[in-house]
Amino acid sequence: MQPGRSLLDVYDKLDYLSSLGKTQIAAVQRDADIGVAEAERDAGIREAECKKEMMDVKFLADTKMADSKRELELQKAAFNQEINTK
């Protein structure tokens, strides 16, 4: 290095150092975009799984309620028939 010059004075006419930085920045941005897309995909999958589980639980609860109502109506009918027979 020449006397009186520092590393801050170093440059190249083709912007080689700048181009290296742009390549690295582009790679980091690409990786970040991929990470965001994967996280959004995974969140969407998990949300769909949760909704399915919720619908399954609701279906079971609705089925049990319908079964209980039907059983109650059958018991009422049997009771009414017994009363009418007597």
N, C-alpha and C. Protein backbone atom coordinates (compact mmCIF):
# COMPACT_ATOMS: atom_id res chain seq x y z
N MET A 1 0.86 -1.16 0.00
CA MET A 1 0.00 0.00 0.00
C MET A 1 0.91 1.23 0.00
N GLN A 2 0.44 2.24 -0.67
CA GLN A 2 1.23 3.47 -0.75
C GLN A 2 1.09 4.25 0.55
N PRO A 3 2.13 4.97 0.91
CA PRO A 3 2.06 5.78 2.13
C PRO A 3 0.94 6.80 2.03
N GLY A 4 0.23 7.01 3.12
CA GLY A 4 -0.83 8.01 3.16
C GLY A 4 -2.19 7.49 2.68
N ARG A 5 -2.25 6.25 2.28
CA ARG A 5 -3.52 5.67 1.84
C ARG A 5 -3.99 4.67 2.90
N SER A 6 -5.28 4.53 3.00
CA SER A 6 -5.82 3.56 3.96
C SER A 6 -6.70 2.57 3.20
N LEU A 7 -7.19 1.60 3.93
CA LEU A 7 -8.09 0.62 3.32
C LEU A 7 -9.38 1.29 2.83
N LEU A 8 -9.77 2.37 3.45
CA LEU A 8 -10.98 3.06 3.03
C LEU A 8 -10.82 3.69 1.64
N ASP A 9 -9.59 3.90 1.21
CA ASP A 9 -9.33 4.50 -0.10
C ASP A 9 -9.35 3.45 -1.23
N VAL A 10 -9.42 2.19 -0.88
CA VAL A 10 -9.37 1.12 -1.89
C VAL A 10 -10.71 1.05 -2.61
N TYR A 11 -10.65 0.99 -3.91
CA TYR A 11 -11.86 0.81 -4.72
C TYR A 11 -11.46 0.09 -5.99
N ASP A 12 -12.45 -0.42 -6.68
CA ASP A 12 -12.16 -1.04 -7.96
C ASP A 12 -13.14 -0.49 -8.99
N LYS A 13 -12.70 -0.40 -10.20
CA LYS A 13 -13.51 0.22 -11.24
C LYS A 13 -14.72 -0.63 -11.61
N LEU A 14 -14.69 -1.91 -11.39
CA LEU A 14 -15.79 -2.80 -11.76
C LEU A 14 -16.78 -3.01 -10.62
N ASP A 15 -16.59 -2.35 -9.52
CA ASP A 15 -17.43 -2.51 -8.33
C ASP A 15 -17.53 -3.97 -7.89
N TYR A 16 -16.41 -4.66 -7.96
CA TYR A 16 -16.38 -6.08 -7.61
C TYR A 16 -16.84 -6.30 -6.17
N LEU A 17 -16.30 -5.52 -5.26
CA LEU A 17 -16.66 -5.68 -3.85
C LEU A 17 -18.14 -5.39 -3.63
N SER A 18 -18.65 -4.37 -4.27
CA SER A 18 -20.07 -4.03 -4.16
C SER A 18 -20.93 -5.14 -4.73
N SER A 19 -20.50 -5.70 -5.85
CA SER A 19 -21.25 -6.79 -6.48
C SER A 19 -21.30 -8.01 -5.58
N LEU A 20 -20.19 -8.30 -4.90
CA LEU A 20 -20.18 -9.43 -3.96
C LEU A 20 -21.21 -9.20 -2.87
N GLY A 21 -21.26 -8.00 -2.36
CA GLY A 21 -22.24 -7.69 -1.31
C GLY A 21 -23.66 -7.82 -1.82
N LYS A 22 -23.93 -7.37 -3.02
CA LYS A 22 -25.28 -7.47 -3.60
C LYS A 22 -25.70 -8.92 -3.76
N THR A 23 -24.74 -9.76 -4.16
CA THR A 23 -25.04 -11.19 -4.31
C THR A 23 -25.42 -11.80 -2.96
N GLN A 24 -24.65 -11.46 -1.93
CA GLN A 24 -24.93 -11.99 -0.60
C GLN A 24 -26.26 -11.46 -0.08
N ILE A 25 -26.54 -10.18 -0.31
CA ILE A 25 -27.81 -9.60 0.13
C ILE A 25 -28.96 -10.29 -0.58
N ALA A 26 -28.82 -10.54 -1.89
CA ALA A 26 -29.87 -11.21 -2.64
C ALA A 26 -30.09 -12.63 -2.12
N ALA A 27 -29.02 -13.33 -1.78
CA ALA A 27 -29.14 -14.69 -1.25
C ALA A 27 -29.84 -14.68 0.10
N VAL A 28 -29.49 -13.74 0.95
CA VAL A 28 -30.13 -13.62 2.27
C VAL A 28 -31.61 -13.29 2.11
N GLN A 29 -31.93 -12.37 1.21
CA GLN A 29 -33.32 -11.99 0.97
C GLN A 29 -34.11 -13.19 0.44
N ARG A 30 -33.50 -13.93 -0.51
CA ARG A 30 -34.15 -15.12 -1.05
C ARG A 30 -34.43 -16.12 0.06
N ASP A 31 -33.44 -16.39 0.91
CA ASP A 31 -33.62 -17.33 2.01
C ASP A 31 -34.69 -16.86 2.98
N ALA A 32 -34.73 -15.56 3.23
CA ALA A 32 -35.76 -15.01 4.12
C ALA A 32 -37.15 -15.17 3.49
N ASP A 33 -37.26 -14.91 2.19
CA ASP A 33 -38.55 -15.07 1.50
C ASP A 33 -39.01 -16.52 1.54
N ILE A 34 -38.07 -17.44 1.35
CA ILE A 34 -38.39 -18.86 1.41
C ILE A 34 -38.86 -19.23 2.82
N GLY A 35 -38.16 -18.72 3.83
CA GLY A 35 -38.54 -18.99 5.22
C GLY A 35 -39.93 -18.48 5.53
N VAL A 36 -40.25 -17.28 5.06
CA VAL A 36 -41.59 -16.72 5.29
C VAL A 36 -42.64 -17.57 4.59
N ALA A 37 -42.37 -17.95 3.34
CA ALA A 37 -43.34 -18.77 2.59
C ALA A 37 -43.57 -20.12 3.28
N GLU A 38 -42.50 -20.73 3.76
CA GLU A 38 -42.63 -22.02 4.46
C GLU A 38 -43.40 -21.86 5.77
N ALA A 39 -43.14 -20.80 6.50
CA ALA A 39 -43.85 -20.55 7.76
C ALA A 39 -45.33 -20.32 7.50
N GLU A 40 -45.65 -19.56 6.46
CA GLU A 40 -47.06 -19.32 6.13
C GLU A 40 -47.73 -20.62 5.70
N ARG A 41 -47.03 -21.44 4.92
CA ARG A 41 -47.58 -22.73 4.51
C ARG A 41 -47.85 -23.61 5.73
N ASP A 42 -46.87 -23.70 6.63
CA ASP A 42 -47.02 -24.52 7.82
C ASP A 42 -48.16 -24.01 8.70
N ALA A 43 -48.28 -22.70 8.81
CA ALA A 43 -49.37 -22.13 9.61
C ALA A 43 -50.72 -22.45 8.97
N GLY A 44 -50.80 -22.39 7.65
CA GLY A 44 -52.04 -22.73 6.96
C GLY A 44 -52.42 -24.18 7.16
N ILE A 45 -51.43 -25.05 7.10
CA ILE A 45 -51.68 -26.48 7.32
C ILE A 45 -52.17 -26.71 8.74
N ARG A 46 -51.53 -26.09 9.71
CA ARG A 46 -51.92 -26.27 11.12
C ARG A 46 -53.32 -25.72 11.37
N GLU A 47 -53.62 -24.57 10.74
CA GLU A 47 -54.96 -23.98 10.89
C GLU A 47 -56.02 -24.93 10.33
N ALA A 48 -55.74 -25.54 9.18
CA ALA A 48 -56.69 -26.48 8.57
C ALA A 48 -56.87 -27.70 9.46
N GLU A 49 -55.77 -28.18 10.06
CA GLU A 49 -55.85 -29.33 10.96
C GLU A 49 -56.71 -29.00 12.18
N CYS A 50 -56.52 -27.81 12.74
CA CYS A 50 -57.30 -27.39 13.90
C CYS A 50 -58.79 -27.26 13.56
N LYS A 51 -59.08 -26.69 12.39
CA LYS A 51 -60.47 -26.57 11.97
C LYS A 51 -61.12 -27.94 11.80
N LYS A 52 -60.36 -28.89 11.23
CA LYS A 52 -60.89 -30.24 11.07
C LYS A 52 -61.17 -30.87 12.43
N GLU A 53 -60.23 -30.72 13.36
CA GLU A 53 -60.43 -31.27 14.71
C GLU A 53 -61.66 -30.64 15.35
N MET A 54 -61.83 -29.33 15.19
CA MET A 54 -62.98 -28.64 15.75
C MET A 54 -64.28 -29.18 15.15
N MET A 55 -64.29 -29.37 13.84
CA MET A 55 -65.49 -29.88 13.17
C MET A 55 -65.79 -31.31 13.62
N ASP A 56 -64.74 -32.12 13.82
CA ASP A 56 -64.94 -33.49 14.30
C ASP A 56 -65.56 -33.50 15.70
N VAL A 57 -65.06 -32.64 16.58
CA VAL A 57 -65.59 -32.55 17.95
C VAL A 57 -67.03 -32.06 17.91
N LYS A 58 -67.31 -31.05 17.08
CA LYS A 58 -68.67 -30.53 16.97
C LYS A 58 -69.62 -31.61 16.44
N PHE A 59 -69.17 -32.37 15.45
CA PHE A 59 -70.00 -33.44 14.90
C PHE A 59 -70.32 -34.47 15.98
N LEU A 60 -69.32 -34.86 16.76
CA LEU A 60 -69.55 -35.83 17.85
C LEU A 60 -70.52 -35.28 18.89
N ALA A 61 -70.35 -34.02 19.25
CA ALA A 61 -71.25 -33.40 20.23
C ALA A 61 -72.67 -33.33 19.68
N ASP A 62 -72.82 -32.92 18.43
CA ASP A 62 -74.15 -32.85 17.82
C ASP A 62 -74.79 -34.23 17.73
N THR A 63 -73.99 -35.24 17.41
CA THR A 63 -74.50 -36.61 17.32
C THR A 63 -74.97 -37.10 18.69
N LYS A 64 -74.19 -36.82 19.74
CA LYS A 64 -74.59 -37.23 21.09
C LYS A 64 -75.87 -36.52 21.52
N MET A 65 -75.97 -35.23 21.18
CA MET A 65 -77.20 -34.49 21.53
C MET A 65 -78.40 -35.08 20.81
N ALA A 66 -78.26 -35.38 19.53
CA ALA A 66 -79.36 -35.96 18.76
C ALA A 66 -79.74 -37.33 19.33
N ASP A 67 -78.74 -38.13 19.69
CA ASP A 67 -79.02 -39.44 20.29
C ASP A 67 -79.76 -39.29 21.61
N SER A 68 -79.34 -38.32 22.42
CA SER A 68 -80.00 -38.09 23.72
C SER A 68 -81.44 -37.63 23.53
N LYS A 69 -81.67 -36.72 22.58
CA LYS A 69 -83.04 -36.26 22.31
C LYS A 69 -83.91 -37.41 21.83
N ARG A 70 -83.36 -38.23 20.93
CA ARG A 70 -84.12 -39.37 20.43
C ARG A 70 -84.45 -40.33 21.56
N GLU A 71 -83.49 -40.61 22.41
CA GLU A 71 -83.72 -41.50 23.56
C GLU A 71 -84.79 -40.92 24.49
N LEU A 72 -84.74 -39.61 24.73
CA LEU A 72 -85.74 -38.95 25.57
C LEU A 72 -87.13 -39.09 24.95
N GLU A 73 -87.23 -38.86 23.65
CA GLU A 73 -88.53 -38.98 22.97
C GLU A 73 -89.05 -40.41 23.02
N LEU A 74 -88.16 -41.39 22.88
CA LEU A 74 -88.57 -42.80 22.99
C LEU A 74 -89.08 -43.11 24.39
N GLN A 75 -88.40 -42.59 25.40
CA GLN A 75 -88.84 -42.82 26.78
C GLN A 75 -90.17 -42.14 27.05
N LYS A 76 -90.35 -40.93 26.53
CA LYS A 76 -91.64 -40.25 26.69
C LYS A 76 -92.76 -41.03 26.01
N ALA A 77 -92.49 -41.52 24.80
CA ALA A 77 -93.50 -42.28 24.07
C ALA A 77 -93.85 -43.56 24.83
N ALA A 78 -92.84 -44.24 25.36
CA ALA A 78 -93.08 -45.47 26.12
C ALA A 78 -93.88 -45.15 27.38
N PHE A 79 -93.55 -44.04 28.04
CA PHE A 79 -94.26 -43.64 29.25
C PHE A 79 -95.73 -43.31 28.92
N ASN A 80 -95.93 -42.54 27.85
CA ASN A 80 -97.29 -42.19 27.45
C ASN A 80 -98.09 -43.42 27.06
N GLN A 81 -97.46 -44.36 26.37
CA GLN A 81 -98.15 -45.59 25.99
C GLN A 81 -98.53 -46.37 27.23
N GLU A 82 -97.65 -46.42 28.21
CA GLU A 82 -97.92 -47.14 29.45
C GLU A 82 -99.11 -46.49 30.18
N ILE A 83 -99.13 -45.16 30.21
CA ILE A 83 -100.23 -44.46 30.87
C ILE A 83 -101.54 -44.69 30.11
N ASN A 84 -101.50 -44.62 28.83
CA ASN A 84 -102.72 -44.81 28.04
C ASN A 84 -103.22 -46.24 28.14
N THR A 85 -102.32 -47.20 28.33
CA THR A 85 -102.72 -48.59 28.48
C THR A 85 -103.44 -48.81 29.79
N LYS A 86 -103.02 -48.11 30.83
CA LYS A 86 -103.61 -48.26 32.15
C LYS A 86 -104.88 -47.50 32.18
